[in-house]
C-alpha atoms as a PDB file:
ATOM      1  CA  MET A   1       8.253-106.604 -68.953  1.00  0.00           C
ATOM      2  CA  SER A   2      11.073-108.888 -67.869  1.00  0.00           C
ATOM      3  CA  SER A   3      10.864-111.088 -64.795  1.00  0.00           C
ATOM      4  CA  SER A   4      13.458-109.025 -62.909  1.00  0.00           C
ATOM      5  CA  GLN A   5      11.592-105.806 -63.723  1.00  0.00           C
ATOM      6  CA  SER A   6       8.290-107.257 -62.539  1.00  0.00           C
ATOM      7  CA  ASN A   7       9.922-108.585 -59.357  1.00  0.00           C
ATOM      8  CA  GLN A   8      11.471-105.163 -58.737  1.00  0.00           C
ATOM      9  CA  GLN A   9       8.085-103.515 -59.174  1.00  0.00           C
ATOM     10  CA  LEU A  10       6.580-105.955 -56.670  1.00  0.00           C
ATOM     11  CA  THR A  11       9.246-105.128 -54.097  1.00  0.00           C
ATOM     12  CA  ASP A  12       8.285-101.468 -54.462  1.00  0.00           C
ATOM     13  CA  LEU A  13       4.699-102.222 -53.427  1.00  0.00           C
ATOM     14  CA  THR A  14       3.489-101.671 -49.876  1.00  0.00           C
ATOM     15  CA  CYS A  15       2.485-104.617 -47.731  1.00  0.00           C
ATOM     16  CA  GLU A  16      -1.198-103.860 -48.452  1.00  0.00           C
ATOM     17  CA  GLN A  17      -0.592-103.591 -52.199  1.00  0.00           C
ATOM     18  CA  ARG A  18       1.272-106.922 -52.212  1.00  0.00           C
ATOM     19  CA  PHE A  19      -1.648-108.491 -50.326  1.00  0.00           C
ATOM     20  CA  GLN A  20      -4.125-107.273 -52.949  1.00  0.00           C
ATOM     21  CA  PHE A  21      -1.804-108.441 -55.744  1.00  0.00           C
ATOM     22  CA  PHE A  22      -1.604-111.850 -54.030  1.00  0.00           C
ATOM     23  CA  ILE A  23      -5.409-112.168 -53.865  1.00  0.00           C
ATOM     24  CA  GLU A  24      -5.839-111.217 -57.535  1.00  0.00           C
ATOM     25  CA  GLN A  25      -2.974-113.414 -58.740  1.00  0.00           C
ATOM     26  CA  VAL A  26      -4.004-116.497 -56.739  1.00  0.00           C
ATOM     27  CA  VAL A  27      -7.578-116.292 -58.025  1.00  0.00           C
ATOM     28  CA  ALA A  28      -6.328-115.808 -61.601  1.00  0.00           C
ATOM     29  CA  THR A  29      -3.805-118.690 -61.515  1.00  0.00           C
ATOM     30  CA  LYS A  30      -5.727-120.861 -59.022  1.00  0.00           C
ATOM     31  CA  GLU A  31      -2.474-121.578 -57.129  1.00  0.00           C
ATOM     32  CA  VAL A  32      -1.002-120.634 -53.757  1.00  0.00           C
ATOM     33  CA  TRP A  33       2.771-121.047 -53.436  1.00  0.00           C
ATOM     34  CA  ILE A  34       4.523-122.239 -50.283  1.00  0.00           C
ATOM     35  CA  LEU A  35       8.063-123.313 -49.453  1.00  0.00           C
ATOM     36  CA  THR A  36       8.838-126.793 -48.216  1.00  0.00           C
ATOM     37  CA  ASP A  37      11.910-128.497 -46.825  1.00  0.00           C
ATOM     38  CA  ASP A  38      12.685-131.995 -45.525  1.00  0.00           C
ATOM     39  CA  GLU A  39      10.372-131.414 -42.556  1.00  0.00           C
ATOM     40  CA  GLY A  40       7.392-130.102 -44.531  1.00  0.00           C
ATOM     41  CA  CYS A  41       5.977-126.632 -44.942  1.00  0.00           C
ATOM     42  CA  VAL A  42       8.246-123.759 -43.904  1.00  0.00           C
ATOM     43  CA  MET A  43       6.953-121.748 -40.931  1.00  0.00           C
ATOM     44  CA  LEU A  44       7.795-118.223 -39.802  1.00  0.00           C
ATOM     45  CA  ASN A  45       7.338-116.809 -36.322  1.00  0.00           C
ATOM     46  CA  THR A  46       6.103-113.327 -35.524  1.00  0.00           C
ATOM     47  CA  GLU A  47       6.091-112.039 -31.963  1.00  0.00           C
ATOM     48  CA  ASP A  48       2.644-113.557 -31.413  1.00  0.00           C
ATOM     49  CA  GLU A  49       1.937-116.150 -34.097  1.00  0.00           C
ATOM     50  CA  GLU A  50       3.361-119.067 -35.992  1.00  0.00           C
ATOM     51  CA  CYS A  51       2.674-118.473 -39.676  1.00  0.00           C
ATOM     52  CA  VAL A  52       2.789-120.257 -42.995  1.00  0.00           C
ATOM     53  CA  PRO A  53       4.276-117.881 -45.577  1.00  0.00           C
ATOM     54  CA  VAL A  54       2.536-117.855 -48.970  1.00  0.00           C
ATOM     55  CA  TRP A  55       3.328-116.226 -52.300  1.00  0.00           C
ATOM     56  CA  PRO A  56       1.412-115.561 -55.526  1.00  0.00           C
ATOM     57  CA  SER A  57       3.933-117.193 -57.879  1.00  0.00           C
ATOM     58  CA  LEU A  58       6.851-119.587 -58.231  1.00  0.00           C
ATOM     59  CA  GLU A  59       9.223-116.662 -58.813  1.00  0.00           C
ATOM     60  CA  ALA A  60       8.126-114.793 -55.693  1.00  0.00           C
ATOM     61  CA  ALA A  61       8.489-117.927 -53.540  1.00  0.00           C
ATOM     62  CA  GLU A  62      11.896-118.720 -55.031  1.00  0.00           C
ATOM     63  CA  ASP A  63      13.077-115.159 -54.392  1.00  0.00           C
ATOM     64  CA  TRP A  64      12.484-115.785 -50.681  1.00  0.00           C
ATOM     65  CA  ALA A  65      14.340-119.135 -50.813  1.00  0.00           C
ATOM     66  CA  SER A  66      17.847-117.765 -50.305  1.00  0.00           C
ATOM     67  CA  GLY A  67      20.268-117.602 -47.399  1.00  0.00           C
ATOM     68  CA  ASP A  68      18.866-119.711 -44.555  1.00  0.00           C
ATOM     69  CA  TRP A  69      16.036-120.851 -46.826  1.00  0.00           C
ATOM     70  CA  GLN A  70      18.062-121.871 -49.899  1.00  0.00           C
ATOM     71  CA  GLN A  71      17.453-125.586 -49.295  1.00  0.00           C
ATOM     72  CA  CYS A  72      13.689-124.997 -49.606  1.00  0.00           C
ATOM     73  CA  GLN A  73      11.602-125.859 -52.635  1.00  0.00           C
ATOM     74  CA  ALA A  74       8.665-123.819 -53.914  1.00  0.00           C
ATOM     75  CA  GLU A  75       5.494-125.869 -54.139  1.00  0.00           C
ATOM     76  CA  ALA A  76       2.146-124.961 -55.682  1.00  0.00           C
ATOM     77  CA  ILE A  77      -1.031-125.738 -53.779  1.00  0.00           C
ATOM     78  CA  PRO A  78      -4.144-125.719 -55.986  1.00  0.00           C
ATOM     79  CA  LEU A  79      -6.516-122.997 -54.785  1.00  0.00           C
ATOM     80  CA  LYS A  80      -9.354-125.489 -54.210  1.00  0.00           C
ATOM     81  CA  THR A  81      -7.060-127.663 -52.075  1.00  0.00           C
ATOM     82  CA  TRP A  82      -5.941-124.574 -50.141  1.00  0.00           C
ATOM     83  CA  GLN A  83      -9.543-123.616 -49.455  1.00  0.00           C
ATOM     84  CA  LEU A  84     -10.801-127.111 -48.646  1.00  0.00           C
ATOM     85  CA  ARG A  85      -7.893-128.415 -46.557  1.00  0.00           C
ATOM     86  CA  TRP A  86      -5.286-125.827 -45.687  1.00  0.00           C
ATOM     87  CA  SER A  87      -7.502-122.993 -44.441  1.00  0.00           C
ATOM     88  CA  GLU A  88      -9.370-125.258 -42.042  1.00  0.00           C
ATOM     89  CA  GLY A  89      -6.267-127.187 -41.005  1.00  0.00           C
ATOM     90  CA  LEU A  90      -4.280-124.039 -40.236  1.00  0.00           C
ATOM     91  CA  GLU A  91      -7.198-122.615 -38.295  1.00  0.00           C
ATOM     92  CA  GLN A  92      -7.592-125.813 -36.265  1.00  0.00           C
ATOM     93  CA  ASP A  93      -3.855-125.880 -35.494  1.00  0.00           C
ATOM     94  CA  GLY A  94      -3.863-122.228 -34.428  1.00  0.00           C
ATOM     95  CA  TYR A  95      -1.605-121.027 -37.237  1.00  0.00           C
ATOM     96  CA  TYR A  96      -1.807-117.797 -39.198  1.00  0.00           C
ATOM     97  CA  VAL A  97      -0.785-117.027 -42.757  1.00  0.00           C
ATOM     98  CA  VAL A  98       1.790-114.401 -43.717  1.00  0.00           C
ATOM     99  CA  VAL A  99       0.969-113.223 -47.223  1.00  0.00           C
ATOM    100  CA  PHE A 100       3.737-112.394 -49.688  1.00  0.00           C
ATOM    101  CA  PRO A 101       6.671-111.521 -47.434  1.00  0.00           C
ATOM    102  CA  ILE A 102       9.656-110.219 -49.368  1.00  0.00           C
ATOM    103  CA  GLU A 103      13.256-109.612 -48.401  1.00  0.00           C
ATOM    104  CA  ASN A 104      13.593-106.891 -45.765  1.00  0.00           C
ATOM    105  CA  GLN A 105       9.815-106.404 -45.611  1.00  0.00           C
ATOM    106  CA  GLU A 106       7.112-108.227 -43.729  1.00  0.00           C
ATOM    107  CA  GLY A 107       4.003-109.624 -45.293  1.00  0.00           C
ATOM    108  CA  THR A 108       0.419-109.274 -44.112  1.00  0.00           C
ATOM    109  CA  VAL A 109      -0.294-111.589 -41.181  1.00  0.00           C
ATOM    110  CA  ILE A 110      -3.873-112.814 -41.431  1.00  0.00           C
ATOM    111  CA  HIS A 111      -6.105-115.490 -39.918  1.00  0.00           C
ATOM    112  CA  PRO A 112      -6.671-118.337 -42.423  1.00  0.00           C
ATOM    113  CA  ASN A 113     -10.459-117.823 -42.361  1.00  0.00           C
ATOM    114  CA  ASP A 114     -10.054-114.122 -43.176  1.00  0.00           C
ATOM    115  CA  LEU A 115      -7.738-114.947 -46.076  1.00  0.00           C
ATOM    116  CA  ASP A 116     -10.261-117.493 -47.333  1.00  0.00           C
ATOM    117  CA  ALA A 117     -13.038-114.874 -47.135  1.00  0.00           C
ATOM    118  CA  ASP A 118     -10.941-112.414 -49.174  1.00  0.00           C
ATOM    119  CA  LEU A 119     -10.206-115.092 -51.784  1.00  0.00           C
ATOM    120  CA  ARG A 120     -13.895-116.020 -52.012  1.00  0.00           C
ATOM    121  CA  LYS A 121     -14.875-112.365 -52.398  1.00  0.00           C
ATOM    122  CA  GLN A 122     -12.377-112.004 -55.268  1.00  0.00           C
ATOM    123  CA  ILE A 123     -13.674-115.187 -56.932  1.00  0.00           C
ATOM    124  CA  LYS A 124     -17.259-113.953 -56.610  1.00  0.00           C
ATOM    125  CA  GLY A 125     -16.342-110.561 -58.091  1.00  0.00           C
ATOM    126  CA  GLN A 126     -14.484-112.222 -60.948  1.00  0.00           C
ATOM    127  CA  ASN A 127     -17.439-114.507 -61.693  1.00  0.00           C
ATOM    128  CA  LYS A 128     -19.827-111.524 -61.789  1.00  0.00           C
ATOM    129  CA  ALA A 129     -17.544-109.765 -64.282  1.00  0.00           C
ATOM    130  CA  LYS A 130     -17.800-112.666 -66.746  1.00  0.00           C
END
């Protein structure tokens, strides 16, 4: 499957399906992808929350980095670093996470502790399967 085909298939997924794909992919690759610019991590605003957008891969993050975001760079955060520093830091600062937004579609907005719990559940399930 080519990269453009796989990206097209991902854009056909529902928000919930992209969330589940994100959880599985992040646990498999042990990386969370964000976008950064000269001022740090890119933030998005919903009606109620300020959110850090995250993606499961370099390609998915780069796909978002167009138009107003084209100056942004995709950056990988190791999963352990995400869990040890980012989840707690975002929670303390009152930020949410928006998981795997794609063009013309929103991502899942989730509290950082809830995202961490879902990641830990996936890791636990993967470890049991070994």
